[in-house]
Amino acid sequence: MKSAFAALALILVAFIPTVTSAEPTYHTVPAELVKPRDGLGNVQKKLESGETVRVAYLGGSITAANGWRVKTTTWLKEKYPTATIEEIHAAIGGTGSDLGVFRLERDALQYKPDLLFVEFAVNDGGASPDRIWKAMEGIVRQTWAANPKTDICFVYTFRVNYEEPLRKGECPQAASAMELLADHYGIPSVNFAKKIVELESDGKLTFQSDEPEEDKIQFSKDGVHPLDAGHELYTEVLADAIQQMATDAHPADHQAKLKTSFVEDHWQAAKMVPIQPDMLSGNWKALPEEAQLQKSFGKRMGQIYEATEPGSKLTFRFKGSSAKLYDLLGPDGGQVIISVDGKLREKPVPRFDSYCTYHRIATLSLAGDVDPETVHEVTIEVHPDQPDRQPVAFRLKNPEEELKAPKYQGTNVRASQILVLGDIVP
């Protein structure tokens, strides 16, 4: 739940007159290790004054790992021993800025961060620049609406295939799009990927290998997720960048930057709204605290509701441009029938996929690009048939037998929040 301060700040910012800059045009951006821009003056002052500094890390699996996030927190504690450093872990594997903008308040802003690192350059790799701008600008504007003295820093991590543009001195598409947005708002950025490619070009590192090579750093086994040595490199680059920016650090109030938006249809209005019992009909139940799925995912998702029987429905109304469901995929996941304003989607949508040997957080798109001035009604109904389980068979040792096990049976649907660009209407 938002604090009274955060809620008041959001209301006040809503009354700031805003204009949109000229419609941005995407182009590749030269890759630089560090772009200080307006720096990290607010957090630097608090660090040097020995105050409490809350550092939030918003990102995907590279940040969720006990790697550069944990190492950076440790470095800050060692570098600034008189300050109290508090880490806010706000990363979820396999997710990009299009979810990050919806969960930002719940996972990061409610804890009042002084510094927000944003890491989505890998997971946003397949997104268009326009989509990246909408979500990333929403993250920026929500953060400064809640507290205009929170400093933000974009970080760009590496994955195999990013070496091609970087060897030409250019940022990959996602990082280029983010750099254009960072220029507009004066947000500093640190390009971890550039350092990784430089080391590989110098014969000092391998991007992807199962075994270490003599005199070479083994960055990763899969070309994406760093091993400890890779995370250590990320931390060293970031530590150097923070110290570089500290030499010319000036505290700033970022509120004035909100007067001019980068894109007109940014997602500052993105929010999570908890599912309410009066939205549910049929066989839904709130998972108890001791239930394994609630224990595993409750911190991120809040109260999870579960339906196991066909015909169970979730119905809500909203006014806005899009709505999604924050839910779980899993080996016993069912499929759902979606209806928007009385129009049925052509096929049921499975809450199961080729990764579902385990449960994980996901989003289900319900209504997109609808009239934002109209109230829309959405219904999600549990379908009577299980989805096809064969997509996961290649991950199993004995699929013919394993897929018959209770683990892979059920028409279960589990969800906790509605992700809406707009507002839920009673």
Protein backbone atom coordinates (compact mmCIF):
# COMPACT_ATOMS: atom_id res chain seq x y z
CA MET A 1 0.00 0.00 0.00
CA LYS A 2 1.32 3.44 -0.84
CA SER A 3 2.39 5.63 2.04
CA ALA A 4 0.47 8.85 2.56
CA PHE A 5 3.56 10.79 1.45
CA ALA A 6 3.91 8.86 -1.80
CA ALA A 7 0.20 9.19 -2.56
CA LEU A 8 0.31 12.96 -1.92
CA ALA A 9 3.41 13.28 -4.11
CA LEU A 10 1.69 11.50 -6.97
CA ILE A 11 -1.34 13.78 -6.64
CA LEU A 12 0.82 16.92 -6.65
CA VAL A 13 2.81 15.80 -9.67
CA ALA A 14 -0.44 15.15 -11.54
CA PHE A 15 -1.03 18.91 -11.44
CA ILE A 16 2.34 19.83 -12.95
CA PRO A 17 1.68 21.03 -16.51
CA THR A 18 3.52 18.76 -18.93
CA VAL A 19 4.45 19.06 -22.55
CA THR A 20 5.87 16.44 -24.87
CA SER A 21 9.19 16.95 -26.60
CA ALA A 22 9.31 16.46 -30.36
CA GLU A 23 8.44 12.87 -31.24
CA PRO A 24 11.70 10.95 -30.74
CA THR A 25 13.36 9.11 -33.59
CA TYR A 26 15.30 5.97 -32.80
CA HIS A 27 18.93 5.68 -33.82
CA THR A 28 21.89 3.74 -32.51
CA VAL A 29 23.97 5.48 -29.87
CA PRO A 30 27.76 5.30 -29.38
CA ALA A 31 28.67 2.95 -26.55
CA GLU A 32 30.42 4.62 -23.63
CA LEU A 33 31.45 2.89 -20.43
CA VAL A 34 30.05 5.65 -18.24
CA LYS A 35 27.72 8.54 -19.09
CA PRO A 36 27.56 10.68 -15.90
CA ARG A 37 24.94 13.15 -17.20
CA ASP A 38 23.37 14.73 -14.07
CA GLY A 39 25.12 12.23 -11.81
CA LEU A 40 24.17 10.79 -8.43
CA GLY A 41 24.55 13.93 -6.35
CA ASN A 42 21.72 13.29 -3.90
CA VAL A 43 22.85 9.82 -2.93
CA GLN A 44 26.52 10.84 -2.92
CA LYS A 45 25.80 13.56 -0.35
CA LYS A 46 24.00 11.09 1.90
CA LEU A 47 26.79 8.55 1.57
CA GLU A 48 29.47 11.07 2.48
CA SER A 49 27.37 12.42 5.36
CA GLY A 50 27.06 8.95 6.89
CA GLU A 51 23.28 8.80 6.52
CA THR A 52 21.02 5.83 5.81
CA VAL A 53 20.99 5.13 2.07
CA ARG A 54 18.46 2.74 0.53
CA VAL A 55 19.56 1.25 -2.78
CA ALA A 56 16.97 -0.50 -5.00
CA TYR A 57 17.88 -2.90 -7.79
CA LEU A 58 15.11 -3.30 -10.39
CA GLY A 59 15.79 -5.85 -13.10
CA GLY A 60 15.68 -9.43 -14.35
CA SER A 61 17.53 -12.64 -13.52
CA ILE A 62 20.99 -11.08 -13.90
CA THR A 63 20.12 -8.75 -11.04
CA ALA A 64 18.10 -11.32 -9.10
CA ALA A 65 21.21 -13.54 -8.84
CA ASN A 66 23.43 -13.11 -5.80
CA GLY A 67 25.95 -11.36 -7.99
CA TRP A 68 26.54 -7.71 -8.90
CA ARG A 69 23.60 -6.58 -6.75
CA VAL A 70 24.98 -8.16 -3.58
CA LYS A 71 28.59 -7.27 -4.46
CA THR A 72 27.67 -3.63 -5.10
CA THR A 73 25.89 -3.39 -1.75
CA THR A 74 28.97 -4.85 -0.07
CA TRP A 75 31.26 -2.41 -1.90
CA LEU A 76 29.13 0.57 -0.85
CA LYS A 77 29.28 -0.56 2.79
CA GLU A 78 33.06 -0.87 2.60
CA LYS A 79 33.59 2.37 0.70
CA TYR A 80 31.29 4.40 2.97
CA PRO A 81 31.60 2.76 6.41
CA THR A 82 29.86 5.59 8.28
CA ALA A 83 26.74 5.29 6.13
CA THR A 84 24.04 2.67 6.66
CA ILE A 85 23.37 0.89 3.37
CA GLU A 86 20.03 -0.89 2.96
CA GLU A 87 19.46 -3.06 -0.10
CA ILE A 88 16.06 -3.30 -1.81
CA HIS A 89 15.93 -6.46 -3.93
CA ALA A 90 13.41 -5.69 -6.70
CA ALA A 91 14.47 -8.11 -9.46
CA ILE A 92 12.48 -10.97 -11.02
CA GLY A 93 14.03 -13.38 -13.50
CA GLY A 94 12.69 -13.48 -17.04
CA THR A 95 10.95 -10.11 -16.84
CA GLY A 96 11.48 -6.78 -18.59
CA SER A 97 10.59 -3.15 -18.16
CA ASP A 98 7.04 -3.84 -19.37
CA LEU A 99 6.40 -5.63 -16.06
CA GLY A 100 8.86 -3.53 -14.06
CA VAL A 101 6.83 -0.38 -14.61
CA PHE A 102 3.73 -2.03 -13.13
CA ARG A 103 5.46 -3.53 -10.09
CA LEU A 104 7.77 -0.61 -9.34
CA GLU A 105 5.67 0.78 -6.47
CA ARG A 106 5.14 -2.58 -4.79
CA ASP A 107 8.68 -3.89 -5.16
CA ALA A 108 10.76 -0.73 -4.81
CA LEU A 109 9.15 2.67 -4.25
CA GLN A 110 7.21 1.75 -1.13
CA TYR A 111 10.59 1.27 0.59
CA LYS A 112 11.64 4.85 -0.27
CA PRO A 113 14.88 4.25 -2.19
CA ASP A 114 17.54 6.94 -2.44
CA LEU A 115 19.07 5.27 -5.50
CA LEU A 116 17.38 3.10 -8.13
CA PHE A 117 19.43 0.93 -10.49
CA VAL A 118 17.43 -0.21 -13.54
CA GLU A 119 18.67 -3.30 -15.44
CA PHE A 120 16.50 -4.37 -18.39
CA ALA A 121 18.83 -4.10 -21.42
CA VAL A 122 18.95 -7.88 -21.89
CA ASN A 123 15.32 -8.78 -21.21
CA ASP A 124 14.13 -5.83 -23.33
CA GLY A 125 16.34 -7.03 -26.19
CA GLY A 126 13.40 -8.12 -28.33
CA ALA A 127 11.19 -5.10 -27.63
CA SER A 128 10.71 -2.17 -29.98
CA PRO A 129 12.26 1.19 -29.02
CA ASP A 130 8.77 2.66 -28.70
CA ARG A 131 7.71 0.00 -26.18
CA ILE A 132 10.95 0.42 -24.25
CA TRP A 133 10.44 4.19 -24.08
CA LYS A 134 6.89 3.86 -22.76
CA ALA A 135 7.83 1.48 -19.96
CA MET A 136 11.20 2.96 -19.02
CA GLU A 137 9.81 6.50 -18.99
CA GLY A 138 7.00 5.25 -16.78
CA ILE A 139 9.62 3.91 -14.34
CA VAL A 140 11.46 7.25 -14.33
CA ARG A 141 8.36 9.38 -13.89
CA GLN A 142 6.82 7.18 -11.18
CA THR A 143 10.09 7.28 -9.25
CA TRP A 144 10.42 11.06 -9.32
CA ALA A 145 6.70 11.57 -8.70
CA ALA A 146 7.13 9.61 -5.46
CA ASN A 147 10.39 11.36 -4.51
CA PRO A 148 12.11 13.87 -6.83
CA LYS A 149 15.36 13.45 -4.89
CA THR A 150 15.73 9.76 -5.71
CA ASP A 151 18.67 9.28 -8.07
CA ILE A 152 18.33 6.80 -10.95
CA CYS A 153 21.05 4.94 -12.84
CA PHE A 154 20.56 2.73 -15.92
CA VAL A 155 22.92 -0.24 -16.25
CA TYR A 156 23.38 -2.28 -19.42
CA THR A 157 24.36 -5.93 -19.05
CA PHE A 158 25.72 -8.32 -21.68
CA ARG A 159 24.39 -11.26 -23.63
CA VAL A 160 25.85 -13.13 -26.58
CA ASN A 161 25.03 -11.35 -29.88
CA TYR A 162 25.39 -7.94 -28.24
CA GLU A 163 29.10 -8.09 -29.14
CA GLU A 164 28.36 -7.33 -32.80
CA PRO A 165 27.19 -3.70 -32.38
CA LEU A 166 29.53 -3.14 -29.43
CA ARG A 167 32.57 -4.07 -31.52
CA LYS A 168 31.51 -1.31 -33.90
CA GLY A 169 31.36 1.10 -30.97
CA GLU A 170 27.54 1.12 -30.81
CA CYS A 171 25.02 0.18 -28.16
CA PRO A 172 22.61 -2.67 -28.99
CA GLN A 173 19.05 -1.60 -29.75
CA ALA A 174 17.61 -1.80 -26.23
CA ALA A 175 20.51 0.09 -24.68
CA SER A 176 20.42 2.68 -27.50
CA ALA A 177 16.72 3.30 -26.83
CA MET A 178 17.40 3.65 -23.12
CA GLU A 179 20.32 6.01 -23.77
CA LEU A 180 18.08 8.34 -25.78
CA LEU A 181 15.64 8.44 -22.87
CA ALA A 182 18.51 8.90 -20.39
CA ASP A 183 19.73 11.90 -22.40
CA HIS A 184 16.31 13.52 -22.11
CA TYR A 185 16.13 13.11 -18.33
CA GLY A 186 19.83 13.49 -17.48
CA ILE A 187 20.02 9.98 -16.03
CA PRO A 188 23.52 8.50 -15.65
CA SER A 189 24.22 5.13 -17.27
CA VAL A 190 26.89 2.45 -16.96
CA ASN A 191 27.57 0.04 -19.82
CA PHE A 192 28.78 -3.24 -18.31
CA ALA A 193 28.50 -4.95 -21.71
CA LYS A 194 31.10 -2.65 -23.28
CA LYS A 195 33.72 -3.78 -20.76
CA ILE A 196 32.94 -7.46 -21.36
CA VAL A 197 33.36 -7.09 -25.12
CA GLU A 198 36.61 -5.15 -24.71
CA LEU A 199 38.09 -7.90 -22.54
CA GLU A 200 37.04 -10.59 -25.02
CA SER A 201 38.52 -8.63 -27.91
CA ASP A 202 41.80 -8.40 -25.97
CA GLY A 203 41.85 -12.19 -25.55
CA LYS A 204 41.29 -11.95 -21.79
CA LEU A 205 37.76 -13.35 -21.55
CA THR A 206 35.44 -15.94 -23.07
CA PHE A 207 31.77 -15.04 -23.42
CA GLN A 208 30.45 -18.58 -23.09
CA SER A 209 32.20 -21.80 -22.10
CA ASP A 210 31.59 -24.89 -19.98
CA GLU A 211 35.13 -24.96 -18.64
CA PRO A 212 37.66 -22.22 -17.81
CA GLU A 213 40.41 -21.53 -20.31
CA GLU A 214 43.94 -20.79 -19.18
CA ASP A 215 44.59 -17.06 -18.65
CA LYS A 216 41.01 -16.16 -19.64
CA ILE A 217 38.06 -15.07 -17.54
CA GLN A 218 35.11 -17.44 -17.92
CA PHE A 219 32.26 -14.94 -18.14
CA SER A 220 29.31 -17.35 -18.33
CA LYS A 221 28.18 -20.81 -19.33
CA ASP A 222 25.10 -19.72 -21.27
CA GLY A 223 26.21 -16.42 -22.76
CA VAL A 224 23.80 -14.42 -20.59
CA HIS A 225 24.02 -15.13 -16.87
CA PRO A 226 27.46 -14.25 -15.47
CA LEU A 227 29.45 -16.58 -13.30
CA ASP A 228 30.97 -15.05 -10.18
CA ALA A 229 33.91 -13.62 -12.14
CA GLY A 230 31.47 -11.91 -14.53
CA HIS A 231 29.51 -10.39 -11.66
CA GLU A 232 32.80 -9.22 -10.16
CA LEU A 233 33.58 -7.39 -13.41
CA TYR A 234 30.16 -5.73 -13.39
CA THR A 235 30.74 -4.58 -9.81
CA GLU A 236 34.20 -3.20 -10.58
CA VAL A 237 32.85 -1.20 -13.53
CA LEU A 238 30.00 0.18 -11.41
CA ALA A 239 32.26 1.01 -8.46
CA ASP A 240 34.60 2.92 -10.77
CA ALA A 241 31.63 4.76 -12.29
CA ILE A 242 30.24 5.78 -8.89
CA GLN A 243 33.65 7.14 -7.86
CA GLN A 244 34.01 8.95 -11.18
CA MET A 245 30.63 10.61 -10.73
CA ALA A 246 31.45 11.50 -7.11
CA THR A 247 34.13 13.95 -8.23
CA ASP A 248 31.51 16.31 -9.65
CA ALA A 249 28.43 15.41 -7.62
CA HIS A 250 25.74 18.04 -7.15
CA PRO A 251 22.47 17.29 -5.32
CA ALA A 252 19.44 17.91 -7.53
CA ASP A 253 15.68 18.08 -7.34
CA HIS A 254 14.48 16.10 -10.37
CA GLN A 255 10.88 17.35 -10.23
CA ALA A 256 11.40 20.05 -12.88
CA LYS A 257 12.38 17.32 -15.37
CA LEU A 258 8.82 15.98 -15.27
CA LYS A 259 7.49 19.06 -17.05
CA THR A 260 8.55 17.70 -20.44
CA SER A 261 7.89 14.07 -21.32
CA PHE A 262 9.92 12.09 -23.85
CA VAL A 263 6.97 10.24 -25.41
CA GLU A 264 3.36 11.29 -25.09
CA ASP A 265 1.97 7.83 -24.27
CA HIS A 266 4.41 6.87 -21.53
CA TRP A 267 3.26 4.46 -18.83
CA GLN A 268 3.47 6.59 -15.71
CA ALA A 269 -0.12 5.54 -14.99
CA ALA A 270 0.85 1.85 -14.81
CA LYS A 271 -0.18 0.26 -11.55
CA MET A 272 -0.91 -3.02 -9.79
CA VAL A 273 -4.35 -3.43 -8.22
CA PRO A 274 -4.93 -6.41 -5.89
CA ILE A 275 -7.67 -8.84 -6.87
CA GLN A 276 -10.67 -8.41 -4.59
CA PRO A 277 -12.92 -11.28 -3.42
CA ASP A 278 -16.00 -9.61 -4.98
CA MET A 279 -14.34 -10.00 -8.41
CA LEU A 280 -14.36 -13.80 -8.03
CA SER A 281 -17.05 -16.40 -8.60
CA GLY A 282 -16.92 -20.18 -8.46
CA ASN A 283 -14.15 -22.21 -6.86
CA TRP A 284 -11.61 -19.49 -5.96
CA LYS A 285 -9.79 -19.50 -2.65
CA ALA A 286 -7.13 -17.32 -1.07
CA LEU A 287 -4.01 -19.39 -0.50
CA PRO A 288 -3.09 -19.50 3.20
CA GLU A 289 0.25 -18.14 4.35
CA GLU A 290 1.61 -21.64 4.95
CA ALA A 291 0.83 -22.83 1.40
CA GLN A 292 4.05 -23.42 -0.52
CA LEU A 293 3.17 -21.21 -3.49
CA GLN A 294 2.09 -18.37 -1.20
CA LYS A 295 5.34 -18.67 0.75
CA SER A 296 7.41 -18.77 -2.42
CA PHE A 297 5.72 -15.93 -4.33
CA GLY A 298 3.69 -13.94 -1.81
CA LYS A 299 6.36 -11.30 -1.20
CA ARG A 300 6.34 -10.35 -4.87
CA MET A 301 2.70 -11.04 -5.68
CA GLY A 302 0.77 -10.37 -2.50
CA GLN A 303 -2.28 -12.52 -1.76
CA ILE A 304 -2.58 -15.27 -4.38
CA TYR A 305 -6.00 -16.62 -5.32
CA GLU A 306 -6.36 -20.12 -6.77
CA ALA A 307 -9.13 -21.67 -8.86
CA THR A 308 -9.07 -25.38 -9.62
CA GLU A 309 -12.47 -26.03 -11.14
CA PRO A 310 -13.69 -25.16 -14.67
CA GLY A 311 -16.22 -22.35 -14.84
CA SER A 312 -14.62 -20.32 -12.04
CA LYS A 313 -14.44 -16.68 -13.09
CA LEU A 314 -12.58 -13.45 -12.37
CA THR A 315 -14.47 -10.37 -13.57
CA PHE A 316 -13.49 -6.71 -13.29
CA ARG A 317 -14.08 -3.37 -14.99
CA PHE A 318 -11.47 -0.77 -15.84
CA LYS A 319 -11.11 2.57 -17.56
CA GLY A 320 -7.82 2.85 -19.40
CA SER A 321 -5.84 1.61 -22.37
CA SER A 322 -4.76 -1.89 -21.27
CA ALA A 323 -5.07 -4.56 -18.59
CA LYS A 324 -3.09 -7.68 -17.75
CA LEU A 325 -3.18 -10.36 -15.08
CA TYR A 326 -0.26 -10.98 -12.71
CA ASP A 327 -0.32 -14.75 -12.34
CA LEU A 328 1.64 -17.98 -12.10
CA LEU A 329 2.58 -20.49 -14.76
CA GLY A 330 3.26 -24.02 -13.60
CA PRO A 331 3.25 -27.75 -14.36
CA ASP A 332 -0.36 -28.10 -13.15
CA GLY A 333 -1.52 -24.89 -14.81
CA GLY A 334 -4.80 -24.85 -16.69
CA GLN A 335 -6.02 -22.57 -19.44
CA VAL A 336 -8.47 -19.69 -19.49
CA ILE A 337 -11.17 -18.23 -21.68
CA ILE A 338 -10.89 -14.44 -21.97
CA SER A 339 -13.77 -12.09 -22.74
CA VAL A 340 -13.47 -8.31 -23.19
CA ASP A 341 -16.65 -6.26 -23.48
CA GLY A 342 -18.55 -9.43 -24.30
CA LYS A 343 -16.22 -10.51 -27.10
CA LEU A 344 -14.59 -13.92 -26.60
CA ARG A 345 -10.98 -14.49 -27.53
CA GLU A 346 -10.75 -17.06 -30.29
CA LYS A 347 -8.77 -19.68 -28.35
CA PRO A 348 -8.20 -20.56 -24.70
CA VAL A 349 -4.87 -19.30 -23.31
CA PRO A 350 -2.71 -21.85 -21.43
CA ARG A 351 -1.05 -20.99 -18.13
CA PHE A 352 1.62 -23.54 -18.99
CA ASP A 353 4.58 -23.53 -21.38
CA SER A 354 7.78 -25.35 -22.28
CA TYR A 355 9.56 -24.15 -19.12
CA CYS A 356 6.92 -25.44 -16.74
CA THR A 357 8.79 -28.04 -14.77
CA TYR A 358 8.34 -25.48 -11.97
CA HIS A 359 6.12 -22.51 -11.08
CA ARG A 360 7.08 -18.96 -12.00
CA ILE A 361 5.63 -15.47 -12.14
CA ALA A 362 4.06 -14.42 -15.43
CA THR A 363 1.66 -11.92 -16.95
CA LEU A 364 -1.39 -12.60 -19.08
CA SER A 365 -2.43 -9.91 -21.55
CA LEU A 366 -6.17 -9.34 -21.34
CA ALA A 367 -7.04 -6.08 -23.11
CA GLY A 368 -4.61 -3.92 -25.06
CA ASP A 369 -4.87 -0.69 -27.03
CA VAL A 370 -8.52 -0.19 -26.14
CA ASP A 371 -10.32 3.15 -25.91
CA PRO A 372 -8.89 4.76 -22.74
CA GLU A 373 -12.01 6.87 -22.21
CA THR A 374 -14.38 3.88 -22.13
CA VAL A 375 -15.13 1.55 -19.23
CA HIS A 376 -14.29 -2.04 -20.25
CA GLU A 377 -15.40 -5.30 -18.63
CA VAL A 378 -13.03 -8.27 -18.58
CA THR A 379 -13.83 -11.88 -17.65
CA ILE A 380 -11.31 -14.70 -17.22
CA GLU A 381 -12.88 -18.15 -16.92
CA VAL A 382 -11.17 -21.47 -16.17
CA HIS A 383 -11.45 -23.76 -19.20
CA PRO A 384 -12.56 -27.39 -18.64
CA ASP A 385 -9.61 -28.92 -20.54
CA GLN A 386 -5.98 -29.13 -19.53
CA PRO A 387 -3.48 -27.54 -21.92
CA ASP A 388 -1.21 -29.72 -24.01
CA ARG A 389 1.70 -30.77 -21.77
CA GLN A 390 3.95 -31.97 -24.61
CA PRO A 391 5.90 -28.67 -24.93
CA VAL A 392 7.73 -29.53 -21.69
CA ALA A 393 8.45 -33.17 -22.64
CA PHE A 394 11.97 -32.50 -23.95
CA ARG A 395 13.02 -31.39 -20.47
CA LEU A 396 12.02 -34.70 -18.86
CA LYS A 397 14.02 -37.91 -18.60
CA ASN A 398 10.98 -40.13 -19.10
CA PRO A 399 8.23 -37.86 -20.46
CA GLU A 400 5.73 -40.61 -21.25
CA GLU A 401 5.57 -41.60 -17.59
CA GLU A 402 6.36 -38.26 -15.92
CA LEU A 403 3.58 -36.39 -17.70
CA LYS A 404 1.09 -38.84 -16.16
CA ALA A 405 2.19 -37.91 -12.64
CA PRO A 406 -0.03 -35.67 -10.43
CA LYS A 407 2.52 -32.85 -10.80
CA TYR A 408 1.38 -32.34 -14.41
CA GLN A 409 -2.38 -32.70 -13.84
CA GLY A 410 -4.90 -29.97 -13.23
CA THR A 411 -6.81 -26.97 -14.52
CA ASN A 412 -5.31 -24.64 -11.92
CA VAL A 413 -5.26 -20.88 -12.33
CA ARG A 414 -3.48 -18.68 -9.77
CA ALA A 415 -3.38 -14.87 -9.80
CA SER A 416 -2.92 -11.98 -7.42
CA GLN A 417 -2.99 -8.59 -9.13
CA ILE A 418 -4.42 -6.74 -12.11
CA LEU A 419 -1.88 -4.69 -14.05
CA VAL A 420 -3.71 -1.71 -15.48
CA LEU A 421 -2.85 1.38 -17.48
CA GLY A 422 -5.69 3.38 -16.05
CA ASP A 423 -7.98 2.61 -13.13
CA ILE A 424 -10.15 -0.22 -11.89
CA VAL A 425 -13.82 0.79 -11.84
CA PRO A 426 -16.09 -0.64 -9.09
